């Protein structure tokens, strides 16, 4: 196997770390390395106006 992709929908990094600390895929040495990237679900919009608000937030920086 060359790689795996896991997608978690959690409110913040601490919740992810807490979950991974008890998950057998991550508590045992199964993977040579693990890389974690933050991303956002943009389409479909979770609620009306979400994309516009994200664009405003990115522009205002």
N, C-alpha and C. Protein backbone atom coordinates (compact mmCIF):
# COMPACT_ATOMS: atom_id res chain seq x y z
N UNK A 1 0.84 -1.17 0.00
CA UNK A 1 0.00 0.00 0.00
C UNK A 1 0.90 1.24 0.00
N UNK A 2 0.53 2.21 -0.79
CA UNK A 2 1.33 3.43 -0.90
C UNK A 2 0.85 4.52 0.03
N UNK A 3 -0.42 4.59 0.31
CA UNK A 3 -0.91 5.66 1.17
C UNK A 3 -2.34 5.45 1.58
N UNK A 4 -2.76 6.23 2.53
CA UNK A 4 -4.13 6.20 3.02
C UNK A 4 -4.59 7.62 3.25
N UNK A 5 -5.89 7.81 3.22
CA UNK A 5 -6.47 9.12 3.50
C UNK A 5 -7.59 8.92 4.51
N UNK A 6 -7.51 9.64 5.59
CA UNK A 6 -8.56 9.64 6.59
C UNK A 6 -9.10 11.06 6.68
N UNK A 7 -10.40 11.22 6.71
CA UNK A 7 -11.03 12.54 6.83
C UNK A 7 -11.86 12.54 8.10
N UNK A 8 -11.60 13.51 8.97
CA UNK A 8 -12.31 13.64 10.23
C UNK A 8 -13.01 14.99 10.25
N UNK A 9 -14.24 15.02 10.68
CA UNK A 9 -14.98 16.27 10.84
C UNK A 9 -15.06 16.56 12.33
N UNK A 10 -14.12 17.36 12.82
CA UNK A 10 -14.03 17.68 14.24
C UNK A 10 -13.92 19.19 14.40
N UNK A 11 -14.34 19.72 15.55
CA UNK A 11 -14.34 21.18 15.74
C UNK A 11 -12.95 21.81 15.89
N UNK A 12 -11.96 21.04 16.39
CA UNK A 12 -10.63 21.63 16.56
C UNK A 12 -9.58 20.53 16.68
N UNK A 13 -8.32 20.94 16.69
CA UNK A 13 -7.19 20.00 16.70
C UNK A 13 -7.16 19.17 17.98
N UNK A 14 -7.53 19.76 19.10
CA UNK A 14 -7.51 19.01 20.36
C UNK A 14 -8.46 17.82 20.31
N UNK A 15 -9.63 18.01 19.75
CA UNK A 15 -10.59 16.91 19.62
C UNK A 15 -10.01 15.82 18.73
N UNK A 16 -9.34 16.21 17.66
CA UNK A 16 -8.70 15.22 16.78
C UNK A 16 -7.62 14.46 17.53
N UNK A 17 -6.75 15.18 18.24
CA UNK A 17 -5.68 14.52 18.99
C UNK A 17 -6.24 13.55 20.03
N UNK A 18 -7.30 13.95 20.72
CA UNK A 18 -7.93 13.07 21.71
C UNK A 18 -8.46 11.81 21.05
N UNK A 19 -9.09 11.97 19.89
CA UNK A 19 -9.63 10.81 19.17
C UNK A 19 -8.50 9.88 18.73
N UNK A 20 -7.46 10.45 18.12
CA UNK A 20 -6.37 9.63 17.60
C UNK A 20 -5.61 8.90 18.70
N UNK A 21 -5.58 9.46 19.89
CA UNK A 21 -4.85 8.82 21.00
C UNK A 21 -5.47 7.49 21.40
N UNK A 22 -6.73 7.25 21.01
CA UNK A 22 -7.38 5.98 21.33
C UNK A 22 -7.68 5.12 20.13
N UNK A 23 -7.34 5.60 18.93
CA UNK A 23 -7.65 4.85 17.70
C UNK A 23 -6.54 3.86 17.39
N UNK A 24 -6.86 2.57 17.21
CA UNK A 24 -5.82 1.56 16.98
C UNK A 24 -4.96 1.81 15.74
N UNK A 25 -5.49 2.49 14.74
CA UNK A 25 -4.68 2.79 13.56
C UNK A 25 -3.55 3.76 13.90
N UNK A 26 -3.70 4.54 14.94
CA UNK A 26 -2.70 5.55 15.27
C UNK A 26 -1.95 5.26 16.57
N UNK A 27 -2.41 4.33 17.38
CA UNK A 27 -1.70 4.00 18.62
C UNK A 27 -0.68 2.89 18.40
N UNK A 28 -0.84 2.13 17.31
CA UNK A 28 0.11 1.07 16.98
C UNK A 28 0.96 1.54 15.81
N UNK A 29 2.18 1.06 15.69
CA UNK A 29 3.07 1.53 14.61
C UNK A 29 2.70 0.94 13.24
N UNK A 30 1.56 1.34 12.71
CA UNK A 30 1.10 0.83 11.42
C UNK A 30 1.69 1.65 10.27
N UNK A 31 1.78 2.97 10.46
CA UNK A 31 2.23 3.87 9.40
C UNK A 31 3.66 4.33 9.65
N UNK A 32 4.43 4.49 8.56
CA UNK A 32 5.78 5.04 8.67
C UNK A 32 5.72 6.51 9.09
N UNK A 33 4.74 7.23 8.57
CA UNK A 33 4.59 8.64 8.91
C UNK A 33 3.12 9.03 8.82
N UNK A 34 2.78 10.09 9.51
CA UNK A 34 1.42 10.63 9.49
C UNK A 34 1.52 12.13 9.28
N UNK A 35 0.80 12.64 8.32
CA UNK A 35 0.75 14.08 8.07
C UNK A 35 -0.69 14.54 8.24
N UNK A 36 -0.88 15.63 8.96
CA UNK A 36 -2.22 16.14 9.24
C UNK A 36 -2.34 17.52 8.62
N UNK A 37 -3.38 17.70 7.83
CA UNK A 37 -3.66 18.97 7.18
C UNK A 37 -5.07 19.43 7.53
N UNK A 38 -5.20 20.70 7.80
CA UNK A 38 -6.52 21.27 8.04
C UNK A 38 -7.15 21.62 6.71
N UNK A 39 -8.43 21.39 6.60
CA UNK A 39 -9.16 21.82 5.41
C UNK A 39 -10.57 22.18 5.82
N UNK A 40 -11.30 22.75 4.90
CA UNK A 40 -12.67 23.14 5.19
C UNK A 40 -13.59 22.59 4.12
N UNK A 41 -14.74 22.14 4.53
CA UNK A 41 -15.78 21.71 3.61
C UNK A 41 -16.43 22.98 3.06
N UNK A 42 -16.30 23.21 1.76
CA UNK A 42 -16.82 24.44 1.18
C UNK A 42 -18.05 24.21 0.32
N UNK A 43 -18.08 23.11 -0.39
CA UNK A 43 -19.20 22.85 -1.31
C UNK A 43 -19.69 21.43 -1.02
N UNK A 44 -20.90 21.20 -0.79
CA UNK A 44 -21.98 22.19 -0.74
C UNK A 44 -21.88 23.00 0.55
N UNK A 45 -22.45 24.18 0.51
CA UNK A 45 -22.44 25.04 1.69
C UNK A 45 -23.16 24.35 2.85
N UNK A 46 -22.58 24.44 4.01
CA UNK A 46 -23.24 23.87 5.19
C UNK A 46 -24.45 24.69 5.58
N UNK A 47 -24.38 25.99 5.31
CA UNK A 47 -25.50 26.89 5.60
C UNK A 47 -25.43 28.03 4.59
N UNK A 48 -26.56 28.64 4.25
CA UNK A 48 -26.56 29.74 3.28
C UNK A 48 -25.64 30.88 3.73
N UNK A 49 -24.81 31.36 2.82
CA UNK A 49 -23.90 32.45 3.12
C UNK A 49 -22.54 32.03 3.64
N UNK A 50 -22.33 30.73 3.83
CA UNK A 50 -21.06 30.24 4.38
C UNK A 50 -19.89 30.58 3.47
N UNK A 51 -20.03 30.36 2.16
CA UNK A 51 -18.93 30.64 1.24
C UNK A 51 -18.59 32.12 1.21
N UNK A 52 -19.60 32.98 1.19
CA UNK A 52 -19.34 34.42 1.20
C UNK A 52 -18.62 34.84 2.47
N UNK A 53 -19.00 34.29 3.60
CA UNK A 53 -18.34 34.62 4.87
C UNK A 53 -16.89 34.15 4.88
N UNK A 54 -16.61 32.97 4.32
CA UNK A 54 -15.24 32.47 4.24
C UNK A 54 -14.41 33.34 3.32
N UNK A 55 -14.98 33.77 2.19
CA UNK A 55 -14.27 34.66 1.27
C UNK A 55 -13.94 35.99 1.95
N UNK A 56 -14.88 36.55 2.69
CA UNK A 56 -14.64 37.80 3.42
C UNK A 56 -13.54 37.61 4.46
N UNK A 57 -13.58 36.50 5.18
CA UNK A 57 -12.59 36.23 6.22
C UNK A 57 -11.20 36.09 5.60
N UNK A 58 -11.10 35.41 4.47
CA UNK A 58 -9.80 35.23 3.79
C UNK A 58 -9.28 36.57 3.26
N UNK A 59 -10.16 37.38 2.72
CA UNK A 59 -9.74 38.66 2.17
C UNK A 59 -9.27 39.61 3.27
N UNK A 60 -9.96 39.60 4.41
CA UNK A 60 -9.62 40.49 5.51
C UNK A 60 -8.44 40.00 6.33
N UNK A 61 -8.11 38.74 6.12
CA UNK A 61 -6.95 38.12 6.65
C UNK A 61 -6.69 37.94 8.04
